[in-house]
Amino acid sequence: MENRTWWKEGIVYQIYPRSFYDSNGDGTGDINGIRQKLDYLKELGVTILWLCPFYKSPDADNGYDISDYETVQGAFGTTDDLSALITEAHQRSLKIIIDLVINHTSNEHPWFIESRKSGTNKYSDFYIWRDGKNGNPPNNWGSVFSGSAWTSSPERGQYYLHLFTPQQPDLNWNNGTVRSELFAMMDRWCRKGIDGFRMDVIGMISKPEDLPDAPVRKGKVYGEWGSLVMNRPQVHTWLKEMNKAVLSKYDLATVGETSGVTTKDALQYAGFGTNELNMVFQFERPDAETENGSKWTMKKAKLSVLKEIFSRWQNDLEGKAWNSLYWENHDQPRCVSRYGDTGKYWKESAEMLAVCLYMQKGTPYIYQGQELGMTNTTFNKPDDLKDVEAVNAYNEMVDVQKMNPELAMQYINRIGRDNARTPFQWSDKPQAGFTSGTPWIPVNANYPEINAEKELRDPGSILNFYKKIIALRKTHQVIVYGTYSLLMPDDERLYLYARQLGTAKLLVVCNFTNETAHADIPPEFGNAAVLISNYESGTQDRSLVRPYEGTVYSIENSAAE
C-alpha cells in the first residue's frame, strides 16, 4: 500500500466565509462566525477546513482580488480573530488550509499602485505590461469575465494584462523578485500555523513571452488563450522552486486549481515524488457540459461520459498521484440541482451523489451546505445577481448575442456561481439563522425545509447520512487506498464500480435516474453485507436498483486497519 498521510485520509470542508455564519449582524459571514460553528464541523466529522479568501480586498471578485495578503478584511474580523480560529480549530484536531491567490492581485495592491506609476521603478516589472498596437490592446485575448484581457493605464501609457477582471492584474512570474516576495509571504502564513494552501488558478501563472494572438471561435470577438497559457512547462519549474523554498519545510496539504489539466499534467503537478503539489482540481467533469467553449448552456452530460472521466482519473493516477473528489465549490452550482432531483427524490439523490463520489479514491471535498442537500436558488432578474462573472455574462448574452433575457437568466440560474454563495441554512428562523441583519445575498427561499437544525434532529437526514459516510472513510482503509474498477461502463442509468485492498472488497451501486434500473451484480456480492445505503431496507433482488439508490456492498469488512 502507498504511503499513508493525513491529507490522503482527511475530509476537507470548504468554507465561503461571507456566507457561512454572521456573528455580528452586519449581514456578512465572518471569522468569529466560523469559530462559533467549529463544534458543528467537528461533529460532522470533517478534518480539514479550507477557507476561501478573507484577506483585505476591494471585492471586485468577492475577495479573489487581494490588496494585502497578510491583513484580514475588516468585514471578516481581525488578525487576532483569525489566530484564535486557527488555535481553536487545532484544539479540535481540525486543520486549516487557506486560499492562495497568486496569479494576480488587486489593482489596489501597493505593488500595482507603484507599478503603474512608471516603467523604471522597483515594481515596474511586477505585472505584465505591454505597448498597444495601433491604438488597440497588445493582443486579442479576452477576459474570463467578458471583454478584453487588457486595460490601458494612462498613468503609465501602456496596457496591463488581466485574465480576469480589470481589477485583477496578473503578476509577472518571470520576475524572480515577485516569486521571492510571494514565497516569503507563504512562509509567514505557515509560521502562523496554517496547514496548507488551495492555490487559485495556479496553472495559469506562466504566459508566453511573445503573447501571441489566440484563436477566435466563430461568432466570438476575443481570442481564447487557454491553450497558450494553461499548464505551461514553466509552471512546474516554479512550483518546484516554491516547494523547495516553502512547502517542503512544513507538513502541508496543497491542492492546485488547474483548468485544462489532463491526467498526464496531473502526474507532473501531483505525482508522488515530483516535489510540487499533493493534488489538483480538474475540470473535465463540469466541462463536459460546456458547448462552443461556453458554460452558459442547458446541456447535461451523459452518465457514460461522467463515468469515463472519473474512471480515467482513478486509473491513470493509481499508485502515481492523488485525486481530489468534489461535486461543488464556490464556483459550481449545487450538485443535487445539477445531477439529482430537487423534487420527489431530493433526499435520495443527494445521498446517492455522496455515495457515488466519496467511495472513490482521493481526498473528499465537501462544500458548505452540501451536507444538507442545499439546492440552487432562483434569481428573477439581473439586478439580483452579485457575481461579476454572471453579471458580465448576462450583459454579453443579452446585449451582444441578442439572446432572450429570460433564457439568459435560465442559464445563470442553472450554472451561475451565486447558487453556491447563498447563506448557509442553519435553521428555520428569519434569514435561515445566518444573520440577525440583512444578508449580503438573499437566502434561498427553501430554508424552512432545508436547514441544519432540522436535519440534526432527524436521524434519517442527509446531514446524518454524510456523517456516516465520513465515519466509514475513517475506519475502512479500502475506501481510502483501494484500487478502483468500473463496471457497466456504457449504461446511462447506473454507475457501478468496485474497490479492493487486499482481501477487502466493495461494490458501489448508484442509480442516477428516477426509475428502477437493472444492474449486473457480480455473483461474489450476491450475499455481501450492506456497508451503507440510502434506502432503509434492502431488496430480495439486488439487481433491481431503486430510483436514485446509492448502496455499498462489502466483503471482508476492513475496519480499523
Protein backbone atom coordinates (compact mmCIF):
# COMPACT_ATOMS: atom_id res chain seq x y z
CA MET A 1 0.00 0.00 0.00
CA GLU A 2 1.20 3.52 -0.78
CA ASN A 3 2.35 5.86 1.96
CA ARG A 4 -0.32 6.89 4.43
CA THR A 5 -0.62 10.64 5.04
CA TRP A 6 -3.11 12.82 6.91
CA TRP A 7 -4.18 14.68 3.79
CA LYS A 8 -4.99 11.44 1.96
CA GLU A 9 -7.09 10.24 4.88
CA GLY A 10 -8.62 13.63 5.64
CA ILE A 11 -12.02 15.04 4.67
CA VAL A 12 -12.00 18.67 3.56
CA TYR A 13 -14.86 21.09 4.25
CA GLN A 14 -14.80 24.27 2.16
CA ILE A 15 -15.98 27.44 3.87
CA TYR A 16 -17.01 30.55 1.96
CA PRO A 17 -16.64 32.94 4.91
CA ARG A 18 -19.07 35.66 3.84
CA SER A 19 -21.89 33.11 3.53
CA PHE A 20 -21.19 30.70 6.40
CA TYR A 21 -22.27 32.42 9.64
CA ASP A 22 -22.54 36.09 10.64
CA SER A 23 -21.56 36.68 14.27
CA ASN A 24 -22.22 40.42 14.47
CA GLY A 25 -25.39 41.05 12.48
CA ASP A 26 -23.91 43.07 9.62
CA GLY A 27 -25.18 40.61 7.00
CA THR A 28 -21.74 39.21 6.12
CA GLY A 29 -20.36 35.97 7.46
CA ASP A 30 -17.10 36.31 9.36
CA ILE A 31 -14.24 34.54 11.08
CA ASN A 32 -15.87 34.64 14.51
CA GLY A 33 -18.91 33.05 12.91
CA ILE A 34 -16.72 30.14 11.82
CA ARG A 35 -15.29 29.92 15.34
CA GLN A 36 -18.80 29.63 16.76
CA LYS A 37 -19.58 26.71 14.43
CA LEU A 38 -16.41 24.65 14.97
CA ASP A 39 -18.27 22.15 17.11
CA TYR A 40 -20.79 21.59 14.30
CA LEU A 41 -17.91 20.88 11.92
CA LYS A 42 -16.18 18.59 14.40
CA GLU A 43 -19.41 16.64 14.92
CA LEU A 44 -19.87 16.34 11.15
CA GLY A 45 -16.55 14.51 11.12
CA VAL A 46 -14.54 16.59 8.66
CA THR A 47 -10.87 17.02 9.49
CA ILE A 48 -9.63 19.89 7.29
CA LEU A 49 -11.22 23.31 6.82
CA TRP A 50 -10.49 25.20 3.60
CA LEU A 51 -11.12 28.92 3.98
CA CYS A 52 -11.89 30.96 0.89
CA PRO A 53 -10.24 34.41 0.83
CA PHE A 54 -10.62 36.51 3.97
CA TYR A 55 -7.85 38.96 3.03
CA LYS A 56 -8.12 42.70 2.57
CA SER A 57 -9.82 43.27 -0.78
CA PRO A 58 -11.97 45.80 -2.68
CA ASP A 59 -14.19 42.80 -3.55
CA ALA A 60 -14.28 43.20 -7.32
CA ASP A 61 -14.41 39.38 -7.40
CA ASN A 62 -15.60 38.54 -3.89
CA GLY A 63 -12.16 38.54 -2.31
CA TYR A 64 -10.17 36.92 -5.11
CA ASP A 65 -8.71 40.38 -5.77
CA ILE A 66 -6.35 40.77 -2.83
CA SER A 67 -4.88 44.13 -1.86
CA ASP A 68 -3.00 42.83 1.20
CA TYR A 69 -2.09 39.15 1.61
CA GLU A 70 -1.46 39.44 5.34
CA THR A 71 -4.33 41.59 6.60
CA VAL A 72 -7.84 40.33 7.31
CA GLN A 73 -10.68 42.11 5.51
CA GLY A 74 -12.50 44.27 8.05
CA ALA A 75 -15.89 42.71 7.34
CA PHE A 76 -14.47 39.31 8.29
CA GLY A 77 -12.81 40.37 11.54
CA THR A 78 -9.24 40.88 12.68
CA THR A 79 -5.91 39.11 12.55
CA ASP A 80 -6.44 38.19 16.21
CA ASP A 81 -9.77 36.58 15.31
CA LEU A 82 -8.02 34.51 12.67
CA SER A 83 -5.27 33.45 15.08
CA ALA A 84 -7.95 32.39 17.55
CA LEU A 85 -9.73 30.40 14.83
CA ILE A 86 -6.54 28.54 13.95
CA THR A 87 -5.86 27.78 17.62
CA GLU A 88 -9.42 26.66 18.39
CA ALA A 89 -9.57 24.52 15.24
CA HIS A 90 -6.31 22.81 16.17
CA GLN A 91 -7.65 22.17 19.68
CA ARG A 92 -10.41 20.15 17.99
CA SER A 93 -7.91 18.35 15.70
CA LEU A 94 -9.20 20.34 12.72
CA LYS A 95 -6.58 21.56 10.28
CA ILE A 96 -6.83 24.84 8.31
CA ILE A 97 -5.86 25.38 4.69
CA ILE A 98 -6.23 28.80 3.10
CA ASP A 99 -6.81 30.09 -0.39
CA LEU A 100 -3.64 31.30 -2.07
CA VAL A 101 -4.38 33.74 -4.91
CA ILE A 102 -1.03 34.49 -6.54
CA ASN A 103 -1.72 34.57 -10.27
CA HIS A 104 -2.94 38.13 -9.75
CA THR A 105 -3.50 40.76 -7.10
CA SER A 106 -5.98 43.59 -6.73
CA ASN A 107 -5.25 46.76 -8.67
CA GLU A 108 -5.27 48.38 -5.20
CA HIS A 109 -2.33 46.27 -4.01
CA PRO A 110 0.64 48.54 -3.19
CA TRP A 111 2.74 46.66 -5.76
CA PHE A 112 0.38 47.57 -8.59
CA ILE A 113 -0.10 51.15 -7.41
CA GLU A 114 3.66 51.60 -7.71
CA SER A 115 3.97 49.54 -10.89
CA ARG A 116 1.62 51.70 -12.90
CA LYS A 117 3.43 54.90 -11.95
CA SER A 118 6.36 54.28 -14.28
CA GLY A 119 8.35 51.70 -16.21
CA THR A 120 11.53 52.26 -14.24
CA ASN A 121 10.77 51.80 -10.53
CA LYS A 122 11.28 48.71 -8.36
CA TYR A 123 7.77 47.42 -9.05
CA SER A 124 7.51 48.34 -12.73
CA ASP A 125 8.06 44.73 -13.80
CA PHE A 126 5.87 43.10 -11.11
CA TYR A 127 3.00 42.89 -13.61
CA ILE A 128 2.64 42.22 -17.33
CA TRP A 129 2.79 45.49 -19.23
CA ARG A 130 2.87 45.94 -23.00
CA ASP A 131 2.52 48.74 -25.52
CA GLY A 132 -0.68 48.81 -27.54
CA LYS A 133 -0.90 48.12 -31.28
CA ASN A 134 -2.35 50.88 -33.44
CA GLY A 135 -4.43 52.19 -30.59
CA ASN A 136 -5.64 48.71 -29.66
CA PRO A 137 -4.61 46.23 -26.94
CA PRO A 138 -1.37 44.26 -27.39
CA ASN A 139 -3.24 41.12 -28.50
CA ASN A 140 -6.76 39.76 -28.96
CA TRP A 141 -7.10 37.89 -25.67
CA GLY A 142 -10.45 38.02 -23.89
CA SER A 143 -11.05 38.09 -20.17
CA VAL A 144 -12.65 35.12 -18.41
CA PHE A 145 -15.24 37.61 -17.21
CA SER A 146 -16.03 39.13 -20.66
CA GLY A 147 -14.35 41.92 -22.60
CA SER A 148 -10.67 42.35 -23.34
CA ALA A 149 -7.97 40.88 -21.10
CA TRP A 150 -6.11 44.19 -21.38
CA THR A 151 -6.74 47.59 -19.79
CA SER A 152 -4.84 50.74 -20.65
CA SER A 153 -3.22 52.81 -17.92
CA PRO A 154 -2.90 56.47 -18.95
CA GLU A 155 -0.58 56.98 -15.98
CA ARG A 156 1.99 54.62 -17.46
CA GLY A 157 0.97 54.83 -21.11
CA GLN A 158 0.74 51.06 -21.51
CA TYR A 159 -1.72 48.19 -21.18
CA TYR A 160 -1.65 45.63 -18.37
CA LEU A 161 -2.83 42.02 -18.63
CA HIS A 162 -5.71 40.72 -16.51
CA LEU A 163 -7.07 37.28 -17.35
CA PHE A 164 -9.99 38.06 -15.04
CA THR A 165 -11.47 41.48 -14.13
CA PRO A 166 -9.59 44.73 -14.85
CA GLN A 167 -9.26 45.00 -11.05
CA GLN A 168 -7.17 41.77 -11.04
CA PRO A 169 -3.87 42.48 -12.84
CA ASP A 170 -1.76 39.38 -13.47
CA LEU A 171 1.57 39.15 -11.70
CA ASN A 172 4.74 38.70 -13.74
CA TRP A 173 6.10 35.38 -12.51
CA ASN A 174 9.13 35.73 -14.78
CA ASN A 175 10.35 38.30 -12.26
CA GLY A 176 12.34 36.43 -9.60
CA THR A 177 11.66 39.15 -7.04
CA VAL A 178 7.91 38.59 -7.43
CA ARG A 179 8.37 34.90 -6.71
CA SER A 180 10.61 35.60 -3.72
CA GLU A 181 8.08 38.03 -2.24
CA LEU A 182 5.24 35.54 -2.69
CA PHE A 183 7.22 32.67 -1.20
CA ALA A 184 8.19 34.79 1.80
CA MET A 185 4.52 35.66 2.34
CA MET A 186 3.59 31.97 2.19
CA ASP A 187 6.29 31.11 4.69
CA ARG A 188 4.94 33.68 7.13
CA TRP A 189 1.48 32.08 6.89
CA CYS A 190 2.99 28.67 7.58
CA ARG A 191 4.69 30.05 10.66
CA LYS A 192 1.31 31.37 11.82
CA GLY A 193 0.12 27.79 11.95
CA ILE A 194 -1.89 27.14 8.80
CA ASP A 195 -1.78 23.60 7.46
CA GLY A 196 -1.81 24.09 3.71
CA PHE A 197 -2.88 26.01 0.63
CA ARG A 198 -5.50 25.75 -2.07
CA MET A 199 -3.83 27.54 -4.97
CA ASP A 200 -6.18 29.58 -7.13
CA VAL A 201 -5.69 29.24 -10.94
CA ILE A 202 -2.10 28.16 -10.29
CA GLY A 203 -1.87 26.54 -13.71
CA MET A 204 -2.09 29.98 -15.36
CA ILE A 205 0.88 31.72 -13.76
CA SER A 206 3.13 31.30 -16.84
CA LYS A 207 2.42 33.26 -20.03
CA PRO A 208 4.29 33.04 -23.34
CA GLU A 209 6.79 35.89 -23.60
CA ASP A 210 5.61 36.97 -27.06
CA LEU A 211 1.93 36.97 -26.01
CA PRO A 212 0.64 35.97 -29.46
CA ASP A 213 -2.93 36.38 -30.66
CA ALA A 214 -5.19 33.46 -29.70
CA PRO A 215 -7.66 31.52 -31.85
CA VAL A 216 -11.08 33.17 -32.17
CA ARG A 217 -14.11 30.90 -32.14
CA LYS A 218 -16.77 31.61 -34.78
CA GLY A 219 -19.18 34.25 -33.56
CA LYS A 220 -16.80 35.46 -30.84
CA VAL A 221 -14.90 38.74 -30.61
CA TYR A 222 -11.92 37.79 -28.46
CA GLY A 223 -9.28 35.09 -28.71
CA GLU A 224 -9.35 32.11 -26.37
CA TRP A 225 -5.90 31.91 -24.79
CA GLY A 226 -6.36 28.69 -22.78
CA SER A 227 -4.06 26.56 -24.92
CA LEU A 228 -1.39 29.27 -24.79
CA VAL A 229 -1.47 29.85 -21.03
CA MET A 230 -2.78 26.84 -19.13
CA ASN A 231 -0.30 24.36 -17.64
CA ARG A 232 2.82 25.55 -19.43
CA PRO A 233 6.10 23.71 -18.59
CA GLN A 234 7.43 26.76 -16.74
CA VAL A 235 4.70 26.35 -14.10
CA HIS A 236 6.33 23.12 -12.95
CA THR A 237 9.73 24.76 -12.65
CA TRP A 238 8.26 27.47 -10.45
CA LEU A 239 6.24 25.04 -8.31
CA LYS A 240 9.39 23.01 -7.64
CA GLU A 241 11.04 26.27 -6.64
CA MET A 242 8.09 27.05 -4.35
CA ASN A 243 8.22 23.55 -2.89
CA LYS A 244 11.92 23.87 -2.10
CA ALA A 245 11.57 27.37 -0.66
CA VAL A 246 8.42 26.82 1.42
CA LEU A 247 6.26 23.73 1.05
CA SER A 248 8.92 21.12 1.82
CA LYS A 249 9.70 22.81 5.14
CA TYR A 250 6.27 22.11 6.63
CA ASP A 251 3.80 19.21 6.79
CA LEU A 252 1.21 20.75 4.48
CA ALA A 253 -1.75 19.81 2.31
CA THR A 254 -1.59 21.50 -1.10
CA VAL A 255 -4.09 21.44 -3.93
CA GLY A 256 -3.85 23.40 -7.15
CA GLU A 257 -6.75 24.72 -9.23
CA THR A 258 -5.66 23.70 -12.72
CA SER A 259 -8.12 24.37 -15.52
CA GLY A 260 -7.50 22.38 -18.71
CA VAL A 261 -5.37 19.82 -16.90
CA THR A 262 -5.11 16.23 -18.19
CA THR A 263 -4.16 13.17 -16.19
CA LYS A 264 -0.71 13.43 -17.76
CA ASP A 265 -0.44 17.00 -16.47
CA ALA A 266 -1.67 15.88 -13.06
CA LEU A 267 1.14 13.35 -12.82
CA GLN A 268 3.55 16.28 -13.13
CA TYR A 269 1.73 18.54 -10.68
CA ALA A 270 0.88 15.94 -8.06
CA GLY A 271 2.90 12.86 -8.86
CA PHE A 272 4.43 11.14 -5.85
CA GLY A 273 8.00 12.38 -5.65
CA THR A 274 7.68 15.24 -8.16
CA ASN A 275 8.07 17.79 -5.35
CA GLU A 276 5.29 20.10 -6.48
CA LEU A 277 1.74 19.69 -5.05
CA ASN A 278 -0.24 16.97 -3.27
CA MET A 279 -3.22 17.04 -5.66
CA VAL A 280 -5.04 19.15 -8.23
CA PHE A 281 -8.61 20.11 -9.04
CA GLN A 282 -9.51 19.03 -12.55
CA PHE A 283 -12.47 20.38 -14.53
CA GLU A 284 -13.20 17.67 -17.08
CA ARG A 285 -16.40 16.73 -15.25
CA PRO A 286 -18.02 20.22 -15.20
CA ASP A 287 -16.53 20.99 -18.63
CA ALA A 288 -18.48 18.04 -20.05
CA GLU A 289 -21.50 20.35 -20.02
CA THR A 290 -20.00 23.21 -21.98
CA GLU A 291 -20.88 23.98 -25.60
CA ASN A 292 -18.79 26.02 -28.03
CA GLY A 293 -16.50 26.96 -25.17
CA SER A 294 -19.34 28.38 -23.07
CA LYS A 295 -20.59 27.17 -19.69
CA TRP A 296 -23.88 29.02 -20.20
CA THR A 297 -25.92 26.14 -21.62
CA MET A 298 -28.67 23.71 -20.66
CA LYS A 299 -26.53 20.76 -21.71
CA LYS A 300 -26.41 17.81 -19.34
CA ALA A 301 -23.53 15.39 -19.57
CA LYS A 302 -24.34 11.75 -20.25
CA LEU A 303 -23.67 9.47 -17.31
CA SER A 304 -21.38 7.34 -19.50
CA VAL A 305 -19.25 10.43 -20.13
CA LEU A 306 -19.04 11.23 -16.41
CA LYS A 307 -18.08 7.62 -15.65
CA GLU A 308 -15.37 7.69 -18.29
CA ILE A 309 -13.91 10.88 -16.82
CA PHE A 310 -14.00 9.70 -13.21
CA SER A 311 -12.61 6.27 -14.14
CA ARG A 312 -9.77 7.65 -16.25
CA TRP A 313 -8.66 9.86 -13.36
CA GLN A 314 -8.93 6.98 -10.91
CA ASN A 315 -6.96 4.59 -13.11
CA ASP A 316 -4.34 6.93 -14.59
CA LEU A 317 -3.34 8.25 -11.16
CA GLU A 318 -3.42 4.87 -9.40
CA GLY A 319 -0.22 4.44 -7.43
CA LYS A 320 1.34 7.51 -9.05
CA ALA A 321 -0.57 10.57 -7.82
CA TRP A 322 -3.55 11.53 -5.68
CA ASN A 323 -7.08 12.57 -6.70
CA SER A 324 -9.32 15.28 -5.28
CA LEU A 325 -13.04 14.44 -5.14
CA TYR A 326 -15.57 17.28 -5.39
CA TRP A 327 -19.07 17.91 -6.68
CA GLU A 328 -19.42 21.51 -5.52
CA ASN A 329 -17.35 24.54 -4.66
CA HIS A 330 -17.76 28.32 -4.61
CA ASP A 331 -17.61 28.36 -8.43
CA GLN A 332 -20.00 25.46 -9.12
CA PRO A 333 -23.78 25.13 -8.67
CA ARG A 334 -25.36 22.74 -6.19
CA CYS A 335 -24.87 19.11 -7.19
CA VAL A 336 -28.36 17.92 -6.26
CA SER A 337 -29.75 20.54 -8.66
CA ARG A 338 -27.21 19.64 -11.34
CA TYR A 339 -27.19 15.84 -11.22
CA GLY A 340 -30.01 14.85 -8.88
CA ASP A 341 -33.69 15.56 -8.28
CA THR A 342 -34.86 18.54 -6.23
CA GLY A 343 -38.41 17.21 -6.11
CA LYS A 344 -39.67 13.78 -5.06
CA TYR A 345 -36.21 12.22 -4.77
CA TRP A 346 -34.32 15.20 -3.33
CA LYS A 347 -33.10 13.29 -0.26
CA GLU A 348 -32.29 10.05 -2.10
CA SER A 349 -30.45 11.77 -4.94
CA ALA A 350 -28.39 14.00 -2.62
CA GLU A 351 -27.31 10.93 -0.65
CA MET A 352 -26.64 8.87 -3.77
CA LEU A 353 -24.32 11.57 -5.10
CA ALA A 354 -22.38 11.42 -1.84
CA VAL A 355 -22.06 7.63 -2.08
CA CYS A 356 -21.01 7.79 -5.73
CA LEU A 357 -18.17 10.27 -5.24
CA TYR A 358 -16.92 9.75 -1.70
CA MET A 359 -16.47 6.00 -2.06
CA GLN A 360 -13.84 6.70 -4.74
CA LYS A 361 -10.11 7.02 -4.15
CA GLY A 362 -8.93 10.52 -3.32
CA THR A 363 -9.44 13.27 -0.77
CA PRO A 364 -13.10 14.29 -0.42
CA TYR A 365 -14.05 17.98 -0.61
CA ILE A 366 -17.44 18.92 0.80
CA TYR A 367 -18.72 22.44 0.14
CA GLN A 368 -20.66 24.18 2.90
CA GLY A 369 -24.34 23.25 2.77
CA GLN A 370 -23.77 20.28 0.51
CA GLU A 371 -24.19 18.05 3.56
CA LEU A 372 -27.71 19.45 3.97
CA GLY A 373 -28.70 18.91 0.35
CA MET A 374 -28.81 22.66 -0.29
CA THR A 375 -30.12 23.44 -3.77
CA ASN A 376 -29.70 26.11 -6.40
CA THR A 377 -31.70 29.26 -5.81
CA THR A 378 -33.71 31.32 -8.32
CA PHE A 379 -32.68 34.79 -9.41
CA ASN A 380 -35.60 36.56 -11.09
CA LYS A 381 -33.76 39.50 -12.61
CA PRO A 382 -30.16 40.53 -13.34
CA ASP A 383 -30.24 43.09 -10.52
CA ASP A 384 -30.40 40.16 -8.08
CA LEU A 385 -27.00 38.86 -9.18
CA LYS A 386 -23.89 39.52 -7.13
CA ASP A 387 -21.23 37.59 -9.06
CA VAL A 388 -19.19 39.63 -11.52
CA GLU A 389 -18.98 36.66 -13.89
CA ALA A 390 -22.76 36.25 -14.03
CA VAL A 391 -23.45 39.99 -14.38
CA ASN A 392 -20.99 40.33 -17.27
CA ALA A 393 -22.19 37.11 -18.90
CA TYR A 394 -25.82 38.25 -18.76
CA ASN A 395 -24.94 41.58 -20.35
CA GLU A 396 -22.96 39.88 -23.09
CA MET A 397 -25.67 37.31 -23.81
CA VAL A 398 -28.41 39.94 -24.00
CA ASP A 399 -26.60 42.97 -25.43
CA VAL A 400 -24.07 41.33 -27.75
CA GLN A 401 -25.58 37.95 -28.61
CA LYS A 402 -29.14 39.38 -28.60
CA MET A 403 -30.35 36.45 -26.53
CA ASN A 404 -33.81 36.43 -24.95
CA PRO A 405 -33.30 37.86 -21.42
CA GLU A 406 -35.41 35.08 -19.87
CA LEU A 407 -33.22 32.41 -21.49
CA ALA A 408 -30.09 34.18 -20.27
CA MET A 409 -31.46 34.12 -16.71
CA GLN A 410 -32.29 30.40 -17.10
CA TYR A 411 -28.65 29.72 -17.94
CA ILE A 412 -27.45 31.73 -14.95
CA ASN A 413 -29.94 30.08 -12.60
CA ARG A 414 -28.71 26.68 -13.70
CA ILE A 415 -24.95 27.14 -13.66
CA GLY A 416 -24.14 30.55 -12.10
CA ARG A 417 -21.72 30.85 -9.21
CA ASP A 418 -24.14 32.74 -6.96
CA ASN A 419 -26.02 29.45 -6.46
CA ALA A 420 -23.21 28.26 -4.20
CA ARG A 421 -22.89 31.57 -2.39
CA THR A 422 -26.31 31.95 -0.79
CA PRO A 423 -26.09 31.86 3.01
CA PHE A 424 -25.74 28.59 4.86
CA GLN A 425 -29.15 27.47 6.10
CA TRP A 426 -28.73 26.99 9.84
CA SER A 427 -32.39 26.99 10.95
CA ASP A 428 -35.94 27.96 10.01
CA LYS A 429 -35.56 31.31 11.81
CA PRO A 430 -35.52 34.54 9.76
CA GLN A 431 -32.65 34.66 7.24
CA ALA A 432 -32.11 30.94 7.91
CA GLY A 433 -30.39 31.80 11.18
CA PHE A 434 -27.41 33.07 9.19
CA THR A 435 -27.65 36.68 10.36
CA SER A 436 -29.76 38.98 12.52
CA GLY A 437 -29.32 41.64 9.85
CA THR A 438 -29.85 41.80 6.08
CA PRO A 439 -27.72 39.18 4.30
CA TRP A 440 -25.29 40.37 1.63
CA ILE A 441 -27.03 37.99 -0.81
CA PRO A 442 -30.59 36.68 -0.35
CA VAL A 443 -31.16 33.41 1.47
CA ASN A 444 -32.60 30.55 -0.58
CA ALA A 445 -36.39 30.54 -0.05
CA ASN A 446 -36.41 26.83 0.83
CA TYR A 447 -34.57 27.31 4.14
CA PRO A 448 -37.64 26.43 6.28
CA GLU A 449 -37.50 22.92 4.79
CA ILE A 450 -33.73 22.56 4.32
CA ASN A 451 -31.67 23.59 7.35
CA ALA A 452 -29.09 22.19 9.74
CA GLU A 453 -31.20 22.44 12.89
CA LYS A 454 -33.97 20.34 11.36
CA GLU A 455 -31.56 17.76 9.94
CA LEU A 456 -29.62 17.40 13.17
CA ARG A 457 -32.86 16.27 14.84
CA ASP A 458 -33.69 13.75 12.10
CA PRO A 459 -31.65 10.50 12.25
CA GLY A 460 -32.58 9.83 8.61
CA SER A 461 -31.47 13.22 7.27
CA ILE A 462 -28.94 13.94 4.53
CA LEU A 463 -26.72 15.53 7.16
CA ASN A 464 -26.65 12.37 9.26
CA PHE A 465 -26.05 10.30 6.12
CA TYR A 466 -22.96 12.43 5.38
CA LYS A 467 -21.75 11.76 8.92
CA LYS A 468 -21.99 8.02 8.26
CA ILE A 469 -20.02 8.24 5.01
CA ILE A 470 -17.33 10.36 6.67
CA ALA A 471 -17.08 7.86 9.53
CA LEU A 472 -16.72 4.97 7.07
CA ARG A 473 -13.79 6.68 5.35
CA LYS A 474 -12.05 6.89 8.72
CA THR A 475 -12.50 3.21 9.58
CA HIS A 476 -12.21 1.42 6.22
CA GLN A 477 -8.84 1.67 4.56
CA VAL A 478 -10.20 0.09 1.38
CA ILE A 479 -12.18 3.31 0.73
CA VAL A 480 -9.09 5.47 1.06
CA TYR A 481 -6.42 3.28 -0.51
CA GLY A 482 -8.15 0.53 -2.50
CA THR A 483 -7.93 0.15 -6.27
CA TYR A 484 -10.87 1.10 -8.50
CA SER A 485 -12.61 -0.89 -11.26
CA LEU A 486 -15.53 0.37 -13.35
CA LEU A 487 -18.42 -1.97 -14.20
CA MET A 488 -21.16 -1.46 -16.82
CA PRO A 489 -19.31 1.47 -18.46
CA ASP A 490 -21.90 2.14 -21.18
CA ASP A 491 -25.01 2.12 -19.01
CA GLU A 492 -26.69 5.54 -18.94
CA ARG A 493 -28.63 4.97 -15.73
CA LEU A 494 -26.33 3.12 -13.34
CA TYR A 495 -22.82 3.80 -12.06
CA LEU A 496 -21.21 0.66 -10.65
CA TYR A 497 -17.63 0.30 -9.53
CA ALA A 498 -15.58 -1.97 -7.29
CA ARG A 499 -12.83 -1.17 -4.79
CA GLN A 500 -10.28 -3.60 -3.44
CA LEU A 501 -7.47 -3.53 -0.88
CA GLY A 502 -6.04 -6.93 -0.02
CA THR A 503 -8.99 -9.19 0.78
CA ALA A 504 -11.36 -6.26 1.44
CA LYS A 505 -13.73 -5.57 -1.46
CA LEU A 506 -16.52 -3.07 -2.03
CA LEU A 507 -19.18 -2.78 -4.72
CA VAL A 508 -20.69 0.69 -5.17
CA VAL A 509 -24.08 0.78 -6.92
CA CYS A 510 -25.65 4.14 -7.85
CA ASN A 511 -28.79 4.91 -9.86
CA PHE A 512 -28.79 8.36 -11.49
CA THR A 513 -32.47 8.17 -12.55
CA ASN A 514 -35.96 8.27 -11.01
CA GLU A 515 -36.76 4.78 -12.28
CA THR A 516 -35.75 1.30 -11.13
CA ALA A 517 -32.84 0.03 -13.24
CA HIS A 518 -31.21 -3.38 -13.69
CA ALA A 519 -27.62 -3.92 -12.54
CA ASP A 520 -25.26 -6.77 -13.33
CA ILE A 521 -24.23 -7.56 -9.75
CA PRO A 522 -21.08 -9.74 -9.63
CA PRO A 523 -22.01 -13.08 -8.03
CA GLU A 524 -19.49 -12.65 -5.21
CA PHE A 525 -21.53 -9.68 -3.93
CA GLY A 526 -24.84 -11.53 -4.05
CA ASN A 527 -24.85 -12.09 -0.29
CA ALA A 528 -22.32 -9.45 0.74
CA ALA A 529 -23.04 -7.20 3.71
CA VAL A 530 -24.52 -3.77 3.10
CA LEU A 531 -21.96 -1.23 4.26
CA ILE A 532 -24.23 1.78 3.67
CA SER A 533 -27.38 2.55 1.69
CA ASN A 534 -29.71 5.50 1.26
CA TYR A 535 -32.68 3.10 1.43
CA GLU A 536 -33.59 1.73 4.86
CA SER A 537 -34.38 -1.78 3.73
CA GLY A 538 -32.78 -3.98 1.13
CA THR A 539 -34.43 -5.83 -1.74
CA GLN A 540 -34.62 -9.54 -2.39
CA ASP A 541 -33.23 -8.93 -5.86
CA ARG A 542 -30.13 -6.73 -5.63
CA SER A 543 -30.03 -6.40 -9.40
CA LEU A 544 -33.09 -4.12 -9.21
CA VAL A 545 -31.69 -0.75 -8.22
CA ARG A 546 -34.30 1.68 -6.94
CA PRO A 547 -34.65 5.34 -8.02
CA TYR A 548 -31.55 7.32 -7.01
CA GLU A 549 -30.37 4.44 -4.85
CA GLY A 550 -26.82 4.52 -3.58
CA THR A 551 -25.70 1.31 -1.90
CA VAL A 552 -22.28 -0.11 -1.00
CA TYR A 553 -21.78 -3.85 -0.53
CA SER A 554 -18.79 -5.10 1.43
CA ILE A 555 -16.83 -8.35 1.53
CA GLU A 556 -14.44 -8.89 4.47
CA ASN A 557 -15.06 -5.58 6.16
CA SER A 558 -11.72 -3.85 6.53
CA ALA A 559 -12.47 -1.99 9.74
CA ALA A 560 -10.00 -0.01 11.86
CA GLU A 561 -6.88 -1.06 9.98
